[in-house]
């Protein structure tokens, strides 16, 4: 009886650990995919922005969202998206679909691609069973693009680089109040995704500390 109890405990522990690892991978993927949100929407009722909405990728054929003018290169791919096809596309959109409308150069880190794919899998009515070989790799934080090192620099880089060059950030010298107003303006007028209160606080704290008025 004790042996059976131990087996059950170990099974539940492994299941719990796997679920936690999966949640961590999805969270990392959402962080890595912030740059995608500059051109795509991910909600069920998403519309064309610069690119087509990406909700329901697993539920439709490649290059099939009605109303978007896909390139010839992407139209040449048949069938539905798979983890392998997404991995190849994310690694190099131009190589996967020559002449693609997508100008993004790609994601070189296999672990980062695996995380993005895990996150995209949740953006379907029924989560897709997308797993790539590099799923178990360590996902490195998003690059800081030349920002001064400091707490939450990666978050700032991920959020700000989705809309513009980080060079624009480094050239500013605003007060905490002005940084906060700028973030609110970006959300209300420029289409930036709304930030959680915690994200907003973390970003303006970093920006006002390293690129505040005192640094001018």
C-alpha atoms as a PDB file:
ATOM      1  CA  UNK A   1       0.000   0.000   0.000  1.00  0.00           C
ATOM      2  CA  UNK A   2       2.845   2.368   0.855  1.00  0.00           C
ATOM      3  CA  UNK A   3       4.496   1.568  -2.477  1.00  0.00           C
ATOM      4  CA  UNK A   4       1.292   2.441  -4.356  1.00  0.00           C
ATOM      5  CA  UNK A   5       0.979   5.693  -2.424  1.00  0.00           C
ATOM      6  CA  UNK A   6       4.563   6.620  -3.297  1.00  0.00           C
ATOM      7  CA  UNK A   7       3.976   5.886  -6.984  1.00  0.00           C
ATOM      8  CA  UNK A   8       0.848   8.057  -6.994  1.00  0.00           C
ATOM      9  CA  UNK A   9       2.701  10.872  -5.219  1.00  0.00           C
ATOM     10  CA  UNK A  10       5.602  10.727  -7.677  1.00  0.00           C
ATOM     11  CA  UNK A  11       3.213  10.742 -10.638  1.00  0.00           C
ATOM     12  CA  UNK A  12       1.340  13.770  -9.305  1.00  0.00           C
ATOM     13  CA  UNK A  13       4.622  15.544  -8.576  1.00  0.00           C
ATOM     14  CA  UNK A  14       5.925  14.953 -12.098  1.00  0.00           C
ATOM     15  CA  UNK A  15       2.622  16.097 -13.598  1.00  0.00           C
ATOM     16  CA  UNK A  16       2.687  19.252 -11.456  1.00  0.00           C
ATOM     17  CA  UNK A  17       6.313  19.961 -12.405  1.00  0.00           C
ATOM     18  CA  UNK A  18       5.543  19.509 -16.111  1.00  0.00           C
ATOM     19  CA  UNK A  19       2.530  21.829 -15.883  1.00  0.00           C
ATOM     20  CA  UNK A  20       4.643  24.450 -14.120  1.00  0.00           C
ATOM     21  CA  UNK A  21       7.392  24.152 -16.731  1.00  0.00           C
ATOM     22  CA  UNK A  22       4.785  24.542 -19.474  1.00  0.00           C
ATOM     23  CA  UNK A  23       3.342  27.660 -17.821  1.00  0.00           C
ATOM     24  CA  UNK A  24       6.824  29.131 -17.476  1.00  0.00           C
ATOM     25  CA  UNK A  25       7.508  28.436 -21.160  1.00  0.00           C
ATOM     26  CA  UNK A  26       4.264  30.111 -22.230  1.00  0.00           C
ATOM     27  CA  UNK A  27       5.037  33.144 -20.026  1.00  0.00           C
ATOM     28  CA  UNK A  28       8.514  33.378 -21.551  1.00  0.00           C
ATOM     29  CA  UNK A  29       6.976  33.116 -25.004  1.00  0.00           C
ATOM     30  CA  UNK A  30       4.607  35.992 -24.336  1.00  0.00           C
ATOM     31  CA  UNK A  31       7.558  38.115 -23.240  1.00  0.00           C
ATOM     32  CA  UNK A  32       9.551  37.168 -26.347  1.00  0.00           C
ATOM     33  CA  UNK A  33       6.567  37.846 -28.619  1.00  0.00           C
ATOM     34  CA  UNK A  34       5.987  41.433 -27.495  1.00  0.00           C
ATOM     35  CA  UNK A  35       7.643  42.657 -30.678  1.00  0.00           C
ATOM     36  CA  UNK A  36       5.010  40.727 -32.698  1.00  0.00           C
ATOM     37  CA  UNK A  37       2.239  42.814 -31.166  1.00  0.00           C
ATOM     38  CA  UNK A  38       3.401  45.869 -33.092  1.00  0.00           C
ATOM     39  CA  UNK A  39       2.023  44.322 -36.287  1.00  0.00           C
ATOM     40  CA  UNK A  40      -0.434  41.598 -35.215  1.00  0.00           C
ATOM     41  CA  UNK A  41      -3.466  41.229 -32.971  1.00  0.00           C
ATOM     42  CA  UNK A  42      -3.946  38.067 -30.912  1.00  0.00           C
ATOM     43  CA  UNK A  43      -7.557  38.322 -29.719  1.00  0.00           C
ATOM     44  CA  UNK A  44     -10.409  36.116 -31.047  1.00  0.00           C
ATOM     45  CA  UNK A  45     -11.949  39.157 -32.750  1.00  0.00           C
ATOM     46  CA  UNK A  46      -8.595  40.467 -34.008  1.00  0.00           C
ATOM     47  CA  UNK A  47      -8.364  42.413 -37.257  1.00  0.00           C
ATOM     48  CA  UNK A  48      -5.672  43.165 -39.809  1.00  0.00           C
ATOM     49  CA  UNK A  49      -3.195  45.780 -38.573  1.00  0.00           C
ATOM     50  CA  UNK A  50       0.102  45.664 -40.457  1.00  0.00           C
ATOM     51  CA  UNK A  51      -0.150  41.881 -40.618  1.00  0.00           C
ATOM     52  CA  UNK A  52      -3.057  39.455 -40.173  1.00  0.00           C
ATOM     53  CA  UNK A  53      -4.365  38.574 -36.698  1.00  0.00           C
ATOM     54  CA  UNK A  54      -2.756  35.458 -35.253  1.00  0.00           C
ATOM     55  CA  UNK A  55      -5.550  34.044 -33.125  1.00  0.00           C
ATOM     56  CA  UNK A  56      -6.553  30.590 -34.347  1.00  0.00           C
ATOM     57  CA  UNK A  57      -3.467  29.805 -36.423  1.00  0.00           C
ATOM     58  CA  UNK A  58      -3.890  26.091 -35.696  1.00  0.00           C
ATOM     59  CA  UNK A  59      -7.493  26.226 -36.881  1.00  0.00           C
ATOM     60  CA  UNK A  60      -6.927  27.635 -40.358  1.00  0.00           C
ATOM     61  CA  UNK A  61      -4.737  26.943 -43.355  1.00  0.00           C
ATOM     62  CA  UNK A  62      -1.559  28.941 -43.930  1.00  0.00           C
ATOM     63  CA  UNK A  63      -2.154  32.310 -45.648  1.00  0.00           C
ATOM     64  CA  UNK A  64      -5.933  31.986 -45.405  1.00  0.00           C
ATOM     65  CA  UNK A  65      -7.141  34.923 -43.291  1.00  0.00           C
ATOM     66  CA  UNK A  66      -9.786  36.627 -45.399  1.00  0.00           C
ATOM     67  CA  UNK A  67      -9.024  40.220 -46.262  1.00  0.00           C
ATOM     68  CA  UNK A  68      -5.225  40.083 -46.001  1.00  0.00           C
ATOM     69  CA  UNK A  69      -3.055  40.220 -49.131  1.00  0.00           C
ATOM     70  CA  UNK A  70      -0.446  37.525 -48.524  1.00  0.00           C
ATOM     71  CA  UNK A  71       2.797  37.346 -50.477  1.00  0.00           C
ATOM     72  CA  UNK A  72       3.311  34.681 -53.136  1.00  0.00           C
ATOM     73  CA  UNK A  73       6.048  33.145 -50.989  1.00  0.00           C
ATOM     74  CA  UNK A  74       3.774  32.363 -48.059  1.00  0.00           C
ATOM     75  CA  UNK A  75       0.911  31.241 -50.324  1.00  0.00           C
ATOM     76  CA  UNK A  76       3.158  28.483 -51.679  1.00  0.00           C
ATOM     77  CA  UNK A  77       2.914  26.668 -48.335  1.00  0.00           C
ATOM     78  CA  UNK A  78      -0.011  24.289 -48.131  1.00  0.00           C
ATOM     79  CA  UNK A  79      -2.001  22.921 -45.195  1.00  0.00           C
ATOM     80  CA  UNK A  80      -2.083  24.098 -41.613  1.00  0.00           C
ATOM     81  CA  UNK A  81       0.630  25.527 -39.407  1.00  0.00           C
ATOM     82  CA  UNK A  82       2.621  22.977 -37.439  1.00  0.00           C
ATOM     83  CA  UNK A  83       5.268  23.500 -34.784  1.00  0.00           C
ATOM     84  CA  UNK A  84       7.966  22.662 -37.337  1.00  0.00           C
ATOM     85  CA  UNK A  85       6.644  25.139 -39.900  1.00  0.00           C
ATOM     86  CA  UNK A  86       6.312  27.870 -37.278  1.00  0.00           C
ATOM     87  CA  UNK A  87       9.842  27.188 -36.071  1.00  0.00           C
ATOM     88  CA  UNK A  88      11.213  27.515 -39.609  1.00  0.00           C
ATOM     89  CA  UNK A  89       9.191  30.682 -40.237  1.00  0.00           C
ATOM     90  CA  UNK A  90      10.229  32.347 -36.995  1.00  0.00           C
ATOM     91  CA  UNK A  91      13.872  31.453 -37.602  1.00  0.00           C
ATOM     92  CA  UNK A  92      13.843  33.281 -40.939  1.00  0.00           C
ATOM     93  CA  UNK A  93      10.606  34.589 -42.472  1.00  0.00           C
ATOM     94  CA  UNK A  94      12.464  35.574 -45.657  1.00  0.00           C
ATOM     95  CA  UNK A  95      13.945  32.098 -46.093  1.00  0.00           C
ATOM     96  CA  UNK A  96      10.689  30.298 -45.314  1.00  0.00           C
ATOM     97  CA  UNK A  97       8.663  32.537 -47.643  1.00  0.00           C
ATOM     98  CA  UNK A  98      10.850  34.485 -50.106  1.00  0.00           C
ATOM     99  CA  UNK A  99       9.289  37.861 -50.831  1.00  0.00           C
ATOM    100  CA  UNK A 100       7.278  37.824 -47.601  1.00  0.00           C
ATOM    101  CA  UNK A 101       5.638  41.067 -46.498  1.00  0.00           C
ATOM    102  CA  UNK A 102       7.108  40.505 -43.046  1.00  0.00           C
ATOM    103  CA  UNK A 103      10.317  42.512 -42.667  1.00  0.00           C
ATOM    104  CA  UNK A 104      11.242  41.090 -39.249  1.00  0.00           C
ATOM    105  CA  UNK A 105      14.612  39.270 -39.581  1.00  0.00           C
ATOM    106  CA  UNK A 106      13.658  36.333 -37.363  1.00  0.00           C
ATOM    107  CA  UNK A 107      14.446  34.783 -33.980  1.00  0.00           C
ATOM    108  CA  UNK A 108      17.864  33.136 -33.905  1.00  0.00           C
ATOM    109  CA  UNK A 109      17.562  31.502 -30.469  1.00  0.00           C
ATOM    110  CA  UNK A 110      15.846  28.070 -30.787  1.00  0.00           C
ATOM    111  CA  UNK A 111      14.659  28.169 -27.172  1.00  0.00           C
ATOM    112  CA  UNK A 112      13.056  31.584 -27.701  1.00  0.00           C
ATOM    113  CA  UNK A 113      11.273  30.254 -30.794  1.00  0.00           C
ATOM    114  CA  UNK A 114      10.021  27.250 -28.820  1.00  0.00           C
ATOM    115  CA  UNK A 115       8.658  29.596 -26.149  1.00  0.00           C
ATOM    116  CA  UNK A 116       6.875  31.785 -28.717  1.00  0.00           C
ATOM    117  CA  UNK A 117       5.348  28.694 -30.324  1.00  0.00           C
ATOM    118  CA  UNK A 118       4.174  27.441 -26.918  1.00  0.00           C
ATOM    119  CA  UNK A 119       2.502  30.811 -26.321  1.00  0.00           C
ATOM    120  CA  UNK A 120       0.953  30.887 -29.813  1.00  0.00           C
ATOM    121  CA  UNK A 121      -0.453  27.415 -29.146  1.00  0.00           C
ATOM    122  CA  UNK A 122      -2.630  28.939 -26.405  1.00  0.00           C
ATOM    123  CA  UNK A 123      -4.048  31.468 -28.868  1.00  0.00           C
ATOM    124  CA  UNK A 124      -6.550  29.012 -30.303  1.00  0.00           C
ATOM    125  CA  UNK A 125     -10.050  27.988 -29.263  1.00  0.00           C
ATOM    126  CA  UNK A 126      -8.501  24.645 -28.333  1.00  0.00           C
ATOM    127  CA  UNK A 127      -4.771  24.994 -27.478  1.00  0.00           C
ATOM    128  CA  UNK A 128      -2.643  23.447 -30.206  1.00  0.00           C
ATOM    129  CA  UNK A 129      -0.347  20.512 -29.556  1.00  0.00           C
ATOM    130  CA  UNK A 130       2.763  22.321 -30.764  1.00  0.00           C
ATOM    131  CA  UNK A 131       6.057  21.072 -29.349  1.00  0.00           C
ATOM    132  CA  UNK A 132       9.487  21.556 -30.911  1.00  0.00           C
ATOM    133  CA  UNK A 133      12.769  19.843 -30.099  1.00  0.00           C
ATOM    134  CA  UNK A 134      14.199  22.882 -28.292  1.00  0.00           C
ATOM    135  CA  UNK A 135      11.266  23.205 -25.857  1.00  0.00           C
ATOM    136  CA  UNK A 136      13.465  22.172 -22.935  1.00  0.00           C
ATOM    137  CA  UNK A 137      16.155  24.759 -23.649  1.00  0.00           C
ATOM    138  CA  UNK A 138      16.728  27.773 -21.448  1.00  0.00           C
ATOM    139  CA  UNK A 139      14.993  30.884 -22.745  1.00  0.00           C
ATOM    140  CA  UNK A 140      17.325  33.841 -22.510  1.00  0.00           C
ATOM    141  CA  UNK A 141      15.863  37.222 -21.569  1.00  0.00           C
ATOM    142  CA  UNK A 142      15.030  39.510 -24.455  1.00  0.00           C
ATOM    143  CA  UNK A 143      17.953  41.698 -25.455  1.00  0.00           C
ATOM    144  CA  UNK A 144      18.251  45.203 -24.088  1.00  0.00           C
ATOM    145  CA  UNK A 145      19.357  46.769 -27.355  1.00  0.00           C
ATOM    146  CA  UNK A 146      21.926  49.104 -25.823  1.00  0.00           C
ATOM    147  CA  UNK A 147      19.881  50.258 -22.837  1.00  0.00           C
ATOM    148  CA  UNK A 148      21.780  50.882 -19.638  1.00  0.00           C
ATOM    149  CA  UNK A 149      21.870  47.746 -17.457  1.00  0.00           C
ATOM    150  CA  UNK A 150      19.406  47.792 -14.602  1.00  0.00           C
ATOM    151  CA  UNK A 151      16.380  46.075 -13.109  1.00  0.00           C
ATOM    152  CA  UNK A 152      13.629  45.618 -15.721  1.00  0.00           C
ATOM    153  CA  UNK A 153      15.831  46.713 -18.646  1.00  0.00           C
ATOM    154  CA  UNK A 154      14.679  43.608 -20.557  1.00  0.00           C
ATOM    155  CA  UNK A 155      11.024  44.498 -19.974  1.00  0.00           C
ATOM    156  CA  UNK A 156      11.597  48.052 -21.196  1.00  0.00           C
ATOM    157  CA  UNK A 157      13.431  46.772 -24.288  1.00  0.00           C
ATOM    158  CA  UNK A 158      10.666  44.304 -25.122  1.00  0.00           C
ATOM    159  CA  UNK A 159       7.850  46.832 -24.708  1.00  0.00           C
ATOM    160  CA  UNK A 160       9.480  49.818 -26.400  1.00  0.00           C
ATOM    161  CA  UNK A 161      11.129  48.008 -29.310  1.00  0.00           C
ATOM    162  CA  UNK A 162       7.745  46.695 -30.429  1.00  0.00           C
ATOM    163  CA  UNK A 163       6.956  50.163 -31.816  1.00  0.00           C
ATOM    164  CA  UNK A 164      10.245  51.957 -32.434  1.00  0.00           C
ATOM    165  CA  UNK A 165      14.008  51.849 -32.111  1.00  0.00           C
ATOM    166  CA  UNK A 166      15.424  51.839 -28.586  1.00  0.00           C
ATOM    167  CA  UNK A 167      17.701  54.655 -29.760  1.00  0.00           C
ATOM    168  CA  UNK A 168      14.669  56.901 -29.368  1.00  0.00           C
ATOM    169  CA  UNK A 169      14.467  55.944 -25.689  1.00  0.00           C
ATOM    170  CA  UNK A 170      18.129  56.620 -25.005  1.00  0.00           C
ATOM    171  CA  UNK A 171      17.846  60.122 -26.456  1.00  0.00           C
ATOM    172  CA  UNK A 172      15.170  61.196 -23.998  1.00  0.00           C
ATOM    173  CA  UNK A 173      15.534  62.735 -20.547  1.00  0.00           C
ATOM    174  CA  UNK A 174      12.078  63.014 -19.042  1.00  0.00           C
ATOM    175  CA  UNK A 175      10.766  63.340 -15.540  1.00  0.00           C
ATOM    176  CA  UNK A 176       8.939  60.398 -13.984  1.00  0.00           C
ATOM    177  CA  UNK A 177       5.636  62.196 -14.618  1.00  0.00           C
ATOM    178  CA  UNK A 178       6.470  62.813 -18.286  1.00  0.00           C
ATOM    179  CA  UNK A 179       7.591  59.198 -18.804  1.00  0.00           C
ATOM    180  CA  UNK A 180       4.297  58.033 -17.307  1.00  0.00           C
ATOM    181  CA  UNK A 181       2.309  60.381 -19.561  1.00  0.00           C
ATOM    182  CA  UNK A 182       4.305  59.187 -22.581  1.00  0.00           C
ATOM    183  CA  UNK A 183       3.466  55.557 -21.850  1.00  0.00           C
ATOM    184  CA  UNK A 184      -0.218  56.421 -21.461  1.00  0.00           C
ATOM    185  CA  UNK A 185      -0.110  58.346 -24.761  1.00  0.00           C
ATOM    186  CA  UNK A 186       1.499  55.362 -26.511  1.00  0.00           C
ATOM    187  CA  UNK A 187      -1.356  53.131 -25.349  1.00  0.00           C
ATOM    188  CA  UNK A 188      -4.185  55.584 -26.079  1.00  0.00           C
ATOM    189  CA  UNK A 189      -2.958  57.090 -29.343  1.00  0.00           C
ATOM    190  CA  UNK A 190      -0.337  54.781 -30.851  1.00  0.00           C
ATOM    191  CA  UNK A 191      -1.897  51.368 -30.380  1.00  0.00           C
ATOM    192  CA  UNK A 192       0.570  50.007 -27.825  1.00  0.00           C
ATOM    193  CA  UNK A 193      -0.819  47.147 -25.732  1.00  0.00           C
ATOM    194  CA  UNK A 194      -2.136  48.292 -22.369  1.00  0.00           C
ATOM    195  CA  UNK A 195       0.284  47.623 -19.545  1.00  0.00           C
ATOM    196  CA  UNK A 196      -0.567  46.125 -16.194  1.00  0.00           C
ATOM    197  CA  UNK A 197      -0.095  48.528 -13.238  1.00  0.00           C
ATOM    198  CA  UNK A 198       2.976  46.497 -12.212  1.00  0.00           C
ATOM    199  CA  UNK A 199       4.512  46.731 -15.697  1.00  0.00           C
ATOM    200  CA  UNK A 200       3.771  50.446 -15.928  1.00  0.00           C
ATOM    201  CA  UNK A 201       5.408  51.074 -12.555  1.00  0.00           C
ATOM    202  CA  UNK A 202       8.453  48.942 -13.383  1.00  0.00           C
ATOM    203  CA  UNK A 203       8.975  50.681 -16.734  1.00  0.00           C
ATOM    204  CA  UNK A 204       8.672  54.266 -15.515  1.00  0.00           C
ATOM    205  CA  UNK A 205      10.919  53.472 -12.549  1.00  0.00           C
ATOM    206  CA  UNK A 206      13.614  52.192 -14.898  1.00  0.00           C
ATOM    207  CA  UNK A 207      13.183  55.035 -17.412  1.00  0.00           C
ATOM    208  CA  UNK A 208      13.145  57.814 -14.820  1.00  0.00           C
ATOM    209  CA  UNK A 209      16.181  56.283 -13.089  1.00  0.00           C
ATOM    210  CA  UNK A 210      18.394  55.824 -16.155  1.00  0.00           C
ATOM    211  CA  UNK A 211      16.884  58.273 -18.644  1.00  0.00           C
ATOM    212  CA  UNK A 212      15.394  60.909 -16.377  1.00  0.00           C
ATOM    213  CA  UNK A 213      15.818  64.671 -16.364  1.00  0.00           C
ATOM    214  CA  UNK A 214      18.866  64.444 -14.124  1.00  0.00           C
ATOM    215  CA  UNK A 215      20.757  62.626 -16.887  1.00  0.00           C
ATOM    216  CA  UNK A 216      20.411  65.486 -19.347  1.00  0.00           C
END
